[in-house]
Structures are given as structure tokens and as C-alpha cells.
Amino acid sequence: MNIKKSTLWWLAILLPMAIWTQNSSEVHREAYYADLPFWESPYIPFKGACPITAEEAAQRIHLKLDFDSANRIVAVHVRLGQHYKAFEGFFGNLYINAPLTKVLYKDNLELHEFYDRFGNQTTVQGSIHQKVYEKEEHGRNIRLSFLDPKGLPTSDMFGVQEYLWSHQQDGGIIEERLDKEGNIVPLRSEFELGRTKMYFDDQGYFGLLQNVDEQGKTTNTEKGIAQFLYYYDKQGRFVRWEVYDENGQRTMGPSHTSGEQNTFYQYDLENIIFFDAEGNPATHWSGAQQWHFKVDQFGNRVLLEFQDTNGQPMNANNNYAKRLWEWSKDGRFLLSEVYLDQNGKPVEHKRTGIYKITYIRDDEGRIVDTRVFNRNNELIPQDE
């Protein structure tokens, strides 16, 4: 075993929780956000969009960040009002993975630990017990690795065991995502980009992501994709992305589109509109030209509707046009999910054969039973 890595792992496991106690008692300021935005790399651990007041946060789903006097994030809360919010339904974030994340600091290490809504330490993305960031002398991230509950290396949901970052003189950062064998993992598995170079915009988000070779030169993938351009609005919401080749020409990307335009209603995502390299409507891999969303008063997503170019519902690749989520009256708990066709009639998901899922909960909101039904509302027996 590599001595440096072994030392890093054991330091992460053995750091006393007194560090967290000290940090948590020294919360210097708090920030509230209405939206958990999308971004492309865990180089940025946490990010919020649409700043709101504490009074607004008391009425809806929000992200709360706690900072210490050194302006470091020491806790990340996902809540609805004062209650921690579980990641259920079509709700979540690539890199914020639990209702509560505690952040510990020791020398050049930054450690993330995860807690459920009851305050119990838990794992995320399968078996990740801790995320361990290592920093260089200027405080910039250079490595991220993952540990399981036994303190052994594990991988994230994309099969990445370790992220490596090198800072370039032109302001770019080269990222390598390595699996347990040390091989480069393509971006988000299906996105084809291998070794990538990223540049940030004036808000600290990605402005440009490039596929690069060992010398750092922009190069096409086998399918002719080399660059992604990203756009965020002044609220920090992800509004658009575009796909280019190594020569800066628009091209089609891995989602069968050349990009997407996102629109919002108040704080929340309302539409995703897909386009081709000429800017004309394109059919996304899901089988739709547009995705339309609705949320309830708390920010819970209650509808995903696949639409054609005219904004009309259409049955997409998995045989349904609409997916609906039902929440408890206080917005805290997911109660059911159903699939409907373009005419609003019950339909079964093409791959699972399920029309409806219901969640039976105890008095504290824990799921004690899950029941699935076919389009005739008949219970489907489940394997024990």
C-alpha cells in the first residue's frame, strides 16, 4: 500500500470528533439558498443558488451553510423549514449527498461526514463514509478520495476512487478521475470526456470544460466531442450548456443533443429545452424534446412531463409522458409516485412494469413498507 495514502486514510478515520465540536460551537455566520444547483466536478464541494433570508427558508426546502470565523464551511444542512429533508423523489444533488454534512479540518485535510435526518452518521453513494480532500500549500484542492466505514478506499457512484487536480499557469485545472486500478474514468461515466481541464467563471462555476491529452492539449473524443460551455445566471442557477469539438465548432453531445436551455419559475427549474448543433429542437436520449417540471409550495417536485417541441405531452422512451410525486401535507415526506401517458391515463414504466409506488411510513416518517402496483391498480408481489 502507498504509505502516503495509508497515512491519509488513517488520519481521516482517527481525527477526533472534538474537532467538529469546536467548529460547530464557532459558527460565525450562516447563509441560506433556495436551490441546490448543478455543477460538474467535486473540486467545488458545496454551492448554493438563489440566496434567501432565514424567514424565507422557514417556509421551503433550502440549503443552509454554516461558516466559521475563518470563512470555512463547517456544516451543510438540507432542510424544509427547521426539519432535515431526506433525498427522495426527483430531488438531490451530485455532490451534496445527505441532509447534514459536517466538515472537519486538520492540517492540509478537509473531511466530510454524513448524517441522516435523525442525526445518525450514515454512508452516501453506497459505501462512502467519508470524503477526504487534500490541499496544497496555498489551500487549493489537489486530491479527493473516499473511505468506507472500515477506513478502506471505496468508489463514488461513477466508479471513481480518486480525483486528482493539478493547477495550471493559465488558470485552468486539470482533473483526472481514477478507478481502483488507476485507470481514467470518463466524466459521469457516459459523457466520454477522459482527462479534463476546467476553467471557472466569475461566480466560481464552470465556464468551460475541455477533454485534454497528457500534454494538456484539447482533443476530440472518438465521437468528436471536446468541449462543454456552461452558463449560470446571477442567482447561481445553471441555465445553459453547449457542446463543441476541438476546433470550437458546435457538435452533438452524448445526450443526443448539442446542449440545453433551462428556464425557471421563481426559484425552481420549470423547463429544459434541448437543441441540436444548429440551434433547432433536438430529441434527447429520453425521447423528448423538452422536459417540464412543477413544484409544490415547499419546492418539492410534483411533476415531470415529457413534451414535444410545441410543449405538448408525449410518451417518451420508457412509455410514459408524466411522472407525478405526492407529498405529505407538510411537504416533508414522499407518499407515492405514479406514471401517466400523454392522455393522463395510468401506464406502466417500460422497464419496471410499475404504474404506482406507495410508501408506508411510521409516526416519525421512516419508510416501513413499499408497495408497487400495475396500471389496473393491482398490487404486484415483491420478492422478500
Protein backbone atom coordinates (compact mmCIF):
# COMPACT_ATOMS: atom_id res chain seq x y z
CA MET A 1 0.00 0.00 0.00
CA ASN A 2 1.17 3.52 -0.79
CA ILE A 3 2.47 4.97 2.54
CA LYS A 4 1.17 8.47 1.82
CA LYS A 5 -2.32 7.18 1.03
CA SER A 6 -2.31 4.86 4.04
CA THR A 7 -1.40 7.74 6.34
CA LEU A 8 -4.10 9.90 4.79
CA TRP A 9 -6.77 7.27 5.32
CA TRP A 10 -5.87 6.66 8.97
CA LEU A 11 -5.64 10.37 9.72
CA ALA A 12 -9.15 10.74 8.36
CA ILE A 13 -10.51 7.90 10.47
CA LEU A 14 -8.73 8.85 13.70
CA LEU A 15 -9.43 12.59 13.74
CA PRO A 16 -11.35 13.16 16.99
CA MET A 17 -14.89 14.42 16.89
CA ALA A 18 -13.69 17.18 19.23
CA ILE A 19 -12.66 18.98 16.05
CA TRP A 20 -16.31 19.02 14.96
CA THR A 21 -17.43 20.14 18.43
CA GLN A 22 -15.03 23.06 18.26
CA ASN A 23 -16.13 24.01 14.75
CA SER A 24 -19.84 23.71 15.44
CA SER A 25 -19.62 25.96 18.51
CA GLU A 26 -17.88 28.63 16.45
CA VAL A 27 -20.42 29.20 13.69
CA HIS A 28 -19.62 32.78 12.72
CA ARG A 29 -22.29 33.28 10.06
CA GLU A 30 -24.99 31.42 8.14
CA ALA A 31 -26.20 31.57 4.54
CA TYR A 32 -29.47 30.28 3.08
CA TYR A 33 -30.21 29.26 -0.52
CA ALA A 34 -33.43 28.17 -2.21
CA ASP A 35 -31.79 25.99 -4.83
CA LEU A 36 -29.25 23.16 -4.97
CA PRO A 37 -27.64 23.87 -8.33
CA PHE A 38 -25.87 21.52 -10.71
CA TRP A 39 -22.13 21.65 -11.26
CA GLU A 40 -19.73 19.29 -12.96
CA SER A 41 -16.92 18.40 -10.53
CA PRO A 42 -16.45 17.72 -6.80
CA TYR A 43 -13.50 20.13 -6.91
CA ILE A 44 -16.16 22.53 -5.61
CA PRO A 45 -17.55 20.73 -2.53
CA PHE A 46 -20.60 22.93 -1.89
CA LYS A 47 -22.54 25.56 -3.79
CA GLY A 48 -25.92 27.21 -3.38
CA ALA A 49 -28.12 29.27 -5.69
CA CYS A 50 -30.82 31.88 -5.09
CA PRO A 51 -29.86 33.43 -1.72
CA ILE A 52 -32.83 33.79 0.61
CA THR A 53 -33.48 35.03 4.13
CA ALA A 54 -33.90 32.85 7.21
CA GLU A 55 -37.59 33.80 7.19
CA GLU A 56 -37.99 32.55 3.61
CA ALA A 57 -36.06 29.37 4.45
CA ALA A 58 -38.55 28.63 7.22
CA GLN A 59 -41.23 28.09 4.55
CA ARG A 60 -39.48 25.93 1.94
CA ILE A 61 -36.76 23.44 1.07
CA HIS A 62 -33.39 25.14 1.32
CA LEU A 63 -29.66 24.74 1.70
CA LYS A 64 -28.08 26.25 4.83
CA LEU A 65 -24.33 26.73 5.05
CA ASP A 66 -22.56 27.39 8.37
CA PHE A 67 -19.22 29.24 8.29
CA ASP A 68 -16.58 29.62 10.98
CA SER A 69 -14.59 32.79 11.68
CA ALA A 70 -12.02 31.74 9.04
CA ASN A 71 -14.86 31.75 6.46
CA ARG A 72 -14.69 27.97 6.10
CA ILE A 73 -17.84 25.90 5.71
CA VAL A 74 -18.26 23.71 8.78
CA ALA A 75 -21.76 22.33 8.20
CA VAL A 76 -24.15 21.89 5.28
CA HIS A 77 -27.86 21.43 6.05
CA VAL A 78 -30.64 20.46 3.65
CA ARG A 79 -33.94 21.30 5.31
CA LEU A 80 -37.59 22.10 4.87
CA GLY A 81 -38.09 24.81 7.46
CA GLN A 82 -36.44 23.50 10.63
CA HIS A 83 -36.70 19.83 9.61
CA TYR A 84 -33.95 17.96 7.82
CA LYS A 85 -35.01 16.85 4.37
CA ALA A 86 -34.30 13.36 3.04
CA PHE A 87 -33.24 12.97 -0.58
CA GLU A 88 -36.41 11.46 -2.06
CA GLY A 89 -38.16 11.54 -5.38
CA PHE A 90 -36.61 13.61 -8.15
CA PHE A 91 -34.60 15.60 -5.60
CA GLY A 92 -30.91 15.76 -4.84
CA ASN A 93 -27.51 16.95 -5.96
CA LEU A 94 -24.39 15.27 -7.36
CA TYR A 95 -22.09 16.42 -4.56
CA ILE A 96 -24.37 17.35 -1.65
CA ASN A 97 -25.45 13.89 -0.62
CA ALA A 98 -27.01 13.94 2.86
CA PRO A 99 -29.43 16.01 4.97
CA LEU A 100 -26.44 17.06 7.10
CA THR A 101 -22.76 17.14 6.16
CA LYS A 102 -20.20 18.02 8.83
CA VAL A 103 -16.86 19.38 7.65
CA LEU A 104 -13.70 18.86 9.68
CA TYR A 105 -10.30 20.49 9.14
CA LYS A 106 -6.88 19.21 10.16
CA ASP A 107 -3.65 20.50 8.64
CA ASN A 108 -4.00 20.01 4.86
CA LEU A 109 -7.05 17.76 5.09
CA GLU A 110 -10.75 18.59 4.78
CA LEU A 111 -13.07 15.76 5.81
CA HIS A 112 -16.78 15.40 5.10
CA GLU A 113 -19.00 13.18 7.22
CA PHE A 114 -22.67 12.46 6.57
CA TYR A 115 -25.76 12.30 8.77
CA ASP A 116 -29.38 11.34 8.19
CA ARG A 117 -32.30 13.48 9.34
CA PHE A 118 -32.20 11.83 12.79
CA GLY A 119 -28.57 12.78 13.36
CA ASN A 120 -27.16 9.30 12.75
CA GLN A 121 -23.90 9.09 10.83
CA THR A 122 -24.53 7.35 7.53
CA THR A 123 -22.98 6.43 4.19
CA VAL A 124 -23.73 8.08 0.84
CA GLN A 125 -23.48 6.90 -2.76
CA GLY A 126 -23.38 3.33 -1.48
CA SER A 127 -20.44 2.89 0.88
CA ILE A 128 -18.86 6.35 1.23
CA HIS A 129 -18.38 7.06 4.95
CA GLN A 130 -16.01 9.99 4.48
CA LYS A 131 -14.84 12.22 1.68
CA VAL A 132 -11.21 13.25 2.18
CA TYR A 133 -9.95 16.38 0.43
CA GLU A 134 -6.21 17.02 0.42
CA LYS A 135 -4.91 20.55 -0.17
CA GLU A 136 -1.57 22.03 -1.29
CA GLU A 137 0.34 24.83 0.44
CA HIS A 138 -1.96 27.53 -0.97
CA GLY A 139 -5.10 25.80 0.29
CA ARG A 140 -6.25 24.59 -3.13
CA ASN A 141 -7.71 21.10 -3.54
CA ILE A 142 -5.40 18.58 -5.20
CA ARG A 143 -6.97 15.23 -4.29
CA LEU A 144 -10.29 13.71 -3.24
CA SER A 145 -10.59 10.14 -2.03
CA PHE A 146 -13.37 8.12 -0.41
CA LEU A 147 -13.37 5.86 2.64
CA ASP A 148 -15.85 3.20 3.67
CA PRO A 149 -16.90 2.66 7.33
CA LYS A 150 -13.80 0.49 7.89
CA GLY A 151 -11.47 3.22 6.64
CA LEU A 152 -10.74 1.41 3.39
CA PRO A 153 -10.79 3.01 -0.08
CA THR A 154 -14.12 2.94 -1.89
CA SER A 155 -15.64 4.50 -5.01
CA ASP A 156 -18.35 7.01 -5.76
CA MET A 157 -21.46 6.38 -7.89
CA PHE A 158 -19.43 6.78 -11.09
CA GLY A 159 -16.78 4.22 -10.15
CA VAL A 160 -14.20 6.87 -9.25
CA GLN A 161 -11.95 6.05 -6.30
CA GLU A 162 -9.79 9.15 -6.51
CA TYR A 163 -9.95 12.60 -8.11
CA LEU A 164 -6.62 14.34 -8.82
CA TRP A 165 -6.34 18.05 -9.64
CA SER A 166 -3.36 19.98 -10.97
CA HIS A 167 -3.45 23.78 -11.23
CA GLN A 168 -2.15 25.30 -14.46
CA GLN A 169 -0.50 28.67 -15.06
CA ASP A 170 -3.30 29.77 -17.38
CA GLY A 171 -5.84 29.44 -14.57
CA GLY A 172 -7.19 26.07 -15.68
CA ILE A 173 -7.37 22.97 -13.50
CA ILE A 174 -6.75 19.50 -14.94
CA GLU A 175 -8.86 16.75 -13.41
CA GLU A 176 -8.17 13.03 -13.55
CA ARG A 177 -10.80 10.61 -12.26
CA LEU A 178 -9.21 7.28 -11.41
CA ASP A 179 -10.82 3.92 -10.67
CA LYS A 180 -9.39 1.33 -8.27
CA GLU A 181 -7.00 0.12 -10.98
CA GLY A 182 -5.71 3.64 -11.61
CA ASN A 183 -7.47 3.99 -14.97
CA ILE A 184 -9.16 7.22 -16.02
CA VAL A 185 -12.95 7.14 -15.66
CA PRO A 186 -14.94 9.12 -18.27
CA LEU A 187 -16.83 12.13 -16.96
CA ARG A 188 -20.04 10.95 -15.28
CA SER A 189 -19.34 7.57 -16.90
CA GLU A 190 -21.34 8.12 -20.10
CA PHE A 191 -20.04 11.59 -21.02
CA GLU A 192 -16.92 10.24 -22.79
CA LEU A 193 -14.54 13.01 -21.72
CA GLY A 194 -11.47 11.43 -20.10
CA ARG A 195 -8.81 13.72 -18.66
CA THR A 196 -10.49 17.12 -18.39
CA LYS A 197 -9.41 20.73 -17.98
CA MET A 198 -11.78 23.18 -16.37
CA TYR A 199 -11.98 26.95 -16.18
CA PHE A 200 -14.20 28.85 -13.77
CA ASP A 201 -16.41 31.90 -14.32
CA ASP A 202 -16.66 35.00 -12.13
CA GLN A 203 -19.08 33.25 -9.76
CA GLY A 204 -16.85 30.25 -9.19
CA TYR A 205 -18.77 27.93 -11.51
CA PHE A 206 -17.54 26.12 -14.57
CA GLY A 207 -17.35 28.29 -17.64
CA LEU A 208 -15.51 25.78 -19.83
CA LEU A 209 -14.67 22.08 -19.61
CA GLN A 210 -12.27 20.52 -22.13
CA ASN A 211 -11.16 16.99 -22.98
CA VAL A 212 -7.33 17.08 -22.97
CA ASP A 213 -4.45 14.71 -23.68
CA GLU A 214 -1.44 14.04 -21.45
CA GLN A 215 0.16 17.29 -22.63
CA GLY A 216 -2.96 19.29 -21.79
CA LYS A 217 -3.95 19.85 -25.43
CA THR A 218 -7.66 19.99 -26.25
CA THR A 219 -8.59 16.89 -28.23
CA ASN A 220 -11.72 15.20 -29.54
CA THR A 221 -13.17 12.04 -28.11
CA GLU A 222 -13.84 9.18 -30.53
CA LYS A 223 -17.24 10.76 -31.22
CA GLY A 224 -15.83 14.21 -31.95
CA ILE A 225 -16.66 15.89 -28.62
CA ALA A 226 -14.04 18.09 -26.98
CA GLN A 227 -15.57 21.00 -25.06
CA PHE A 228 -18.58 21.89 -22.92
CA LEU A 229 -19.53 25.52 -22.31
CA TYR A 230 -21.60 26.23 -19.17
CA TYR A 231 -23.69 29.27 -18.26
CA TYR A 232 -25.08 30.33 -14.88
CA ASP A 233 -27.29 33.31 -14.08
CA LYS A 234 -26.52 35.89 -11.38
CA GLN A 235 -28.53 33.83 -8.89
CA GLY A 236 -26.14 30.92 -9.46
CA ARG A 237 -28.64 28.75 -11.33
CA PHE A 238 -27.46 26.52 -14.17
CA VAL A 239 -29.17 27.95 -17.26
CA ARG A 240 -27.44 26.51 -20.34
CA TRP A 241 -24.75 24.25 -21.71
CA GLU A 242 -23.34 23.74 -25.21
CA VAL A 243 -21.15 21.10 -26.88
CA TYR A 244 -18.16 21.83 -29.17
CA ASP A 245 -15.38 19.95 -30.93
CA GLU A 246 -11.65 20.68 -30.59
CA ASN A 247 -11.89 23.40 -33.26
CA GLY A 248 -14.65 25.27 -31.48
CA GLN A 249 -17.42 24.06 -33.81
CA ARG A 250 -20.81 23.11 -32.42
CA THR A 251 -21.42 19.36 -32.40
CA MET A 252 -23.78 16.77 -30.97
CA GLY A 253 -23.06 15.50 -27.47
CA PRO A 254 -23.59 12.27 -25.52
CA SER A 255 -27.23 13.07 -24.64
CA HIS A 256 -28.05 13.15 -28.41
CA THR A 257 -28.24 16.94 -28.23
CA SER A 258 -25.86 19.85 -28.67
CA GLY A 259 -26.97 21.31 -25.36
CA GLU A 260 -29.91 22.51 -23.35
CA GLN A 261 -31.56 25.70 -22.17
CA ASN A 262 -33.08 25.78 -18.69
CA THR A 263 -35.86 28.15 -17.65
CA PHE A 264 -37.12 28.86 -14.15
CA TYR A 265 -40.30 29.92 -12.39
CA GLN A 266 -39.42 31.90 -9.30
CA TYR A 267 -36.64 29.83 -7.67
CA ASP A 268 -37.27 26.47 -9.30
CA LEU A 269 -36.48 24.78 -12.60
CA GLU A 270 -39.50 24.81 -14.91
CA ASN A 271 -38.29 23.68 -18.36
CA ILE A 272 -35.33 22.01 -20.05
CA ILE A 273 -35.30 22.65 -23.81
CA PHE A 274 -32.98 20.54 -25.97
CA PHE A 275 -31.35 21.75 -29.20
CA ASP A 276 -29.04 20.48 -31.95
CA ALA A 277 -25.82 21.97 -33.36
CA GLU A 278 -27.82 24.45 -35.47
CA GLY A 279 -29.93 25.55 -32.52
CA ASN A 280 -33.02 23.68 -33.72
CA PRO A 281 -35.10 21.40 -31.46
CA ALA A 282 -33.44 18.06 -30.73
CA THR A 283 -34.68 14.77 -29.29
CA HIS A 284 -32.93 13.99 -26.02
CA TRP A 285 -31.92 10.41 -25.21
CA SER A 286 -35.08 10.22 -23.06
CA GLY A 287 -37.15 10.51 -26.24
CA ALA A 288 -38.46 14.03 -25.55
CA GLN A 289 -37.68 17.46 -26.97
CA GLN A 290 -38.49 19.23 -23.71
CA TRP A 291 -38.83 18.41 -20.01
CA HIS A 292 -41.37 20.37 -17.99
CA PHE A 293 -41.47 20.49 -14.18
CA LYS A 294 -43.81 21.71 -11.46
CA VAL A 295 -43.18 22.06 -7.75
CA ASP A 296 -45.43 22.50 -4.71
CA GLN A 297 -45.40 25.41 -2.26
CA PHE A 298 -42.39 23.93 -0.44
CA GLY A 299 -40.24 23.35 -3.53
CA ASN A 300 -40.91 19.61 -3.79
CA ARG A 301 -41.05 18.44 -7.37
CA VAL A 302 -44.55 17.14 -8.12
CA LEU A 303 -44.44 16.72 -11.93
CA LEU A 304 -42.02 15.77 -14.68
CA GLU A 305 -43.67 15.92 -18.10
CA PHE A 306 -42.00 14.91 -21.36
CA GLN A 307 -43.04 17.28 -24.14
CA ASP A 308 -42.68 17.75 -27.89
CA THR A 309 -41.46 20.97 -29.50
CA ASN A 310 -44.91 22.53 -29.10
CA GLY A 311 -44.96 21.93 -25.37
CA GLN A 312 -47.50 19.10 -25.61
CA PRO A 313 -47.10 15.94 -23.52
CA MET A 314 -45.65 12.95 -25.36
CA ASN A 315 -44.88 9.35 -24.48
CA ALA A 316 -41.09 9.07 -24.33
CA ASN A 317 -38.76 6.08 -24.45
CA ASN A 318 -39.95 4.44 -21.24
CA ASN A 319 -43.58 4.51 -22.37
CA TYR A 320 -44.81 7.33 -20.14
CA ALA A 321 -45.31 11.08 -20.54
CA LYS A 322 -45.79 12.17 -16.95
CA ARG A 323 -44.30 11.23 -13.61
CA LEU A 324 -46.10 12.58 -10.54
CA TRP A 325 -44.95 12.71 -6.93
CA GLU A 326 -47.33 13.05 -3.98
CA TRP A 327 -46.01 14.53 -0.71
CA SER A 328 -47.36 14.75 2.83
CA LYS A 329 -49.35 17.88 3.67
CA ASP A 330 -46.35 19.44 5.41
CA GLY A 331 -44.13 18.64 2.42
CA ARG A 332 -41.66 16.57 4.42
CA PHE A 333 -42.30 13.05 3.15
CA LEU A 334 -42.82 11.36 -0.21
CA LEU A 335 -46.04 9.33 -0.21
CA SER A 336 -46.37 8.00 -3.77
CA GLU A 337 -45.19 8.12 -7.38
CA VAL A 338 -47.28 7.38 -10.48
CA TYR A 339 -46.74 7.22 -14.25
CA LEU A 340 -49.26 8.55 -16.78
CA ASP A 341 -49.39 8.54 -20.57
CA GLN A 342 -49.79 11.61 -22.77
CA ASN A 343 -53.58 11.49 -22.25
CA GLY A 344 -53.26 11.38 -18.48
CA LYS A 345 -54.14 7.68 -18.24
CA PRO A 346 -52.31 5.18 -16.00
CA VAL A 347 -49.38 3.50 -17.73
CA GLU A 348 -46.63 1.12 -16.71
CA HIS A 349 -42.97 2.05 -16.88
CA LYS A 350 -41.46 0.17 -19.82
CA ARG A 351 -38.53 -1.30 -17.89
CA THR A 352 -40.07 -1.95 -14.48
CA GLY A 353 -43.70 -2.70 -15.32
CA ILE A 354 -44.75 -0.41 -12.45
CA TYR A 355 -47.56 2.16 -12.58
CA LYS A 356 -47.60 3.31 -8.96
CA ILE A 357 -45.34 3.18 -5.92
CA THR A 358 -46.62 3.96 -2.42
CA TYR A 359 -44.52 4.45 0.71
CA ILE A 360 -45.91 3.38 4.08
CA ARG A 361 -44.34 5.31 6.98
CA ASP A 362 -44.23 5.21 10.76
CA ASP A 363 -45.01 8.16 13.03
CA GLU A 364 -41.52 9.62 12.51
CA GLY A 365 -41.67 9.35 8.74
CA ARG A 366 -39.48 6.26 8.33
CA ILE A 367 -40.44 4.05 5.41
CA VAL A 368 -41.65 0.72 6.81
CA ASP A 369 -43.11 -0.72 3.61
CA THR A 370 -43.06 -0.02 -0.12
CA ARG A 371 -45.87 -1.24 -2.36
CA VAL A 372 -45.96 -1.27 -6.15
CA PHE A 373 -48.98 -1.55 -8.44
CA ASN A 374 -49.72 -2.21 -12.10
CA ARG A 375 -51.90 0.01 -14.30
CA ASN A 376 -55.04 -1.73 -13.02
CA ASN A 377 -54.03 -0.65 -9.51
CA GLU A 378 -53.35 -4.28 -8.58
CA LEU A 379 -50.61 -4.96 -6.06
CA ILE A 380 -47.50 -6.52 -7.60
CA PRO A 381 -45.94 -9.16 -5.30
CA GLN A 382 -42.35 -8.30 -4.33
CA ASP A 383 -39.51 -10.68 -3.54
CA GLU A 384 -38.79 -10.96 0.17
